Amino acid sequence: MSGRTRRQIGISETNCDICGTRGLPVFESRITRRGLALINPWWHQHRRTYEQCPACGMKYRLKAGRRV
């Protein structure tokens, strides 16, 4: 099984629905290319974008910049 890498790509303007914290960090997560994936021409990273509240840990999945 391959691992995932995560990086912060910005800060959102929205509030957390659970605790009300402002300025949630936006992260992008994707599969790390390893093993046979290095030579596979059809390999896909399966990117996921989400906001995560630093106070309560709630994650909000994003699609095209909007919550899903």
C-alpha atoms as a PDB file:
ATOM      1  CA  MET A   1       0.000   0.000   0.000  1.00  0.00           C
ATOM      2  CA  SER A   2       1.339   3.410  -0.881  1.00  0.00           C
ATOM      3  CA  GLY A   3       1.473   6.322   1.516  1.00  0.00           C
ATOM      4  CA  ARG A   4      -0.057   9.748   1.143  1.00  0.00           C
ATOM      5  CA  THR A   5       1.681  13.112   1.234  1.00  0.00           C
ATOM      6  CA  ARG A   6      -0.024  16.206   2.618  1.00  0.00           C
ATOM      7  CA  ARG A   7       0.804  19.866   2.127  1.00  0.00           C
ATOM      8  CA  GLN A   8      -0.881  23.090   3.149  1.00  0.00           C
ATOM      9  CA  ILE A   9      -1.942  25.189   0.172  1.00  0.00           C
ATOM     10  CA  GLY A  10      -3.588  28.149   1.902  1.00  0.00           C
ATOM     11  CA  ILE A  11      -6.030  29.518   4.458  1.00  0.00           C
ATOM     12  CA  SER A  12      -9.777  29.663   3.833  1.00  0.00           C
ATOM     13  CA  GLU A  13     -12.132  32.467   4.777  1.00  0.00           C
ATOM     14  CA  THR A  14     -14.806  30.141   6.184  1.00  0.00           C
ATOM     15  CA  ASN A  15     -15.634  29.231   9.788  1.00  0.00           C
ATOM     16  CA  CYS A  16     -15.745  25.794  11.389  1.00  0.00           C
ATOM     17  CA  ASP A  17     -19.350  24.634  11.774  1.00  0.00           C
ATOM     18  CA  ILE A  18     -18.569  22.803  15.034  1.00  0.00           C
ATOM     19  CA  CYS A  19     -16.509  25.251  17.118  1.00  0.00           C
ATOM     20  CA  GLY A  20     -16.612  28.519  15.102  1.00  0.00           C
ATOM     21  CA  THR A  21     -12.835  28.865  14.509  1.00  0.00           C
ATOM     22  CA  ARG A  22     -11.998  31.277  11.655  1.00  0.00           C
ATOM     23  CA  GLY A  23      -9.323  30.877   8.989  1.00  0.00           C
ATOM     24  CA  LEU A  24      -9.181  27.128   8.437  1.00  0.00           C
ATOM     25  CA  PRO A  25      -6.032  25.807   6.727  1.00  0.00           C
ATOM     26  CA  VAL A  26      -6.581  24.152   3.330  1.00  0.00           C
ATOM     27  CA  PHE A  27      -4.634  20.952   2.631  1.00  0.00           C
ATOM     28  CA  GLU A  28      -4.015  18.830  -0.450  1.00  0.00           C
ATOM     29  CA  SER A  29      -3.398  15.116   0.005  1.00  0.00           C
ATOM     30  CA  ARG A  30      -2.205  12.735  -2.713  1.00  0.00           C
ATOM     31  CA  ILE A  31      -0.799   9.248  -3.127  1.00  0.00           C
ATOM     32  CA  THR A  32       3.009   9.007  -3.196  1.00  0.00           C
ATOM     33  CA  ARG A  33       4.359   7.423  -6.357  1.00  0.00           C
ATOM     34  CA  ARG A  34       6.360   4.316  -5.406  1.00  0.00           C
ATOM     35  CA  GLY A  35       7.236   0.855  -6.692  1.00  0.00           C
ATOM     36  CA  LEU A  36       5.603  -0.179  -9.972  1.00  0.00           C
ATOM     37  CA  ALA A  37       3.759   3.134 -10.114  1.00  0.00           C
ATOM     38  CA  LEU A  38       7.083   4.708 -11.164  1.00  0.00           C
ATOM     39  CA  ILE A  39       6.880   2.980 -14.560  1.00  0.00           C
ATOM     40  CA  ASN A  40       3.085   2.884 -14.955  1.00  0.00           C
ATOM     41  CA  PRO A  41       2.060   5.502 -17.571  1.00  0.00           C
ATOM     42  CA  TRP A  42      -1.601   5.478 -16.408  1.00  0.00           C
ATOM     43  CA  TRP A  43      -0.832   6.104 -12.740  1.00  0.00           C
ATOM     44  CA  HIS A  44      -3.108   8.668 -11.031  1.00  0.00           C
ATOM     45  CA  GLN A  45      -2.346  10.687  -7.862  1.00  0.00           C
ATOM     46  CA  HIS A  46      -5.920  10.674  -6.485  1.00  0.00           C
ATOM     47  CA  ARG A  47      -5.722  14.191  -5.068  1.00  0.00           C
ATOM     48  CA  ARG A  48      -7.999  15.225  -2.211  1.00  0.00           C
ATOM     49  CA  THR A  49      -8.471  18.783  -1.037  1.00  0.00           C
ATOM     50  CA  TYR A  50      -9.919  19.603   2.364  1.00  0.00           C
ATOM     51  CA  GLU A  51     -10.079  22.159   5.181  1.00  0.00           C
ATOM     52  CA  GLN A  52      -9.160  21.026   8.684  1.00  0.00           C
ATOM     53  CA  CYS A  53      -9.990  22.892  11.874  1.00  0.00           C
ATOM     54  CA  PRO A  54      -6.908  23.255  14.112  1.00  0.00           C
ATOM     55  CA  ALA A  55      -9.054  23.515  17.268  1.00  0.00           C
ATOM     56  CA  CYS A  56     -11.433  20.548  17.002  1.00  0.00           C
ATOM     57  CA  GLY A  57      -9.899  18.552  14.102  1.00  0.00           C
ATOM     58  CA  MET A  58     -13.032  18.511  11.921  1.00  0.00           C
ATOM     59  CA  LYS A  59     -12.330  17.987   8.192  1.00  0.00           C
ATOM     60  CA  TYR A  60     -14.393  19.503   5.392  1.00  0.00           C
ATOM     61  CA  ARG A  61     -13.885  17.979   1.943  1.00  0.00           C
ATOM     62  CA  LEU A  62     -13.534  20.507  -0.887  1.00  0.00           C
ATOM     63  CA  LYS A  63     -14.386  20.100  -4.555  1.00  0.00           C
ATOM     64  CA  ALA A  64     -13.595  22.960  -6.939  1.00  0.00           C
ATOM     65  CA  GLY A  65     -12.964  25.221  -3.930  1.00  0.00           C
ATOM     66  CA  ARG A  66     -16.347  24.565  -2.285  1.00  0.00           C
ATOM     67  CA  ARG A  67     -17.393  22.309   0.584  1.00  0.00           C
ATOM     68  CA  VAL A  68     -18.999  19.061  -0.447  1.00  0.00           C
END
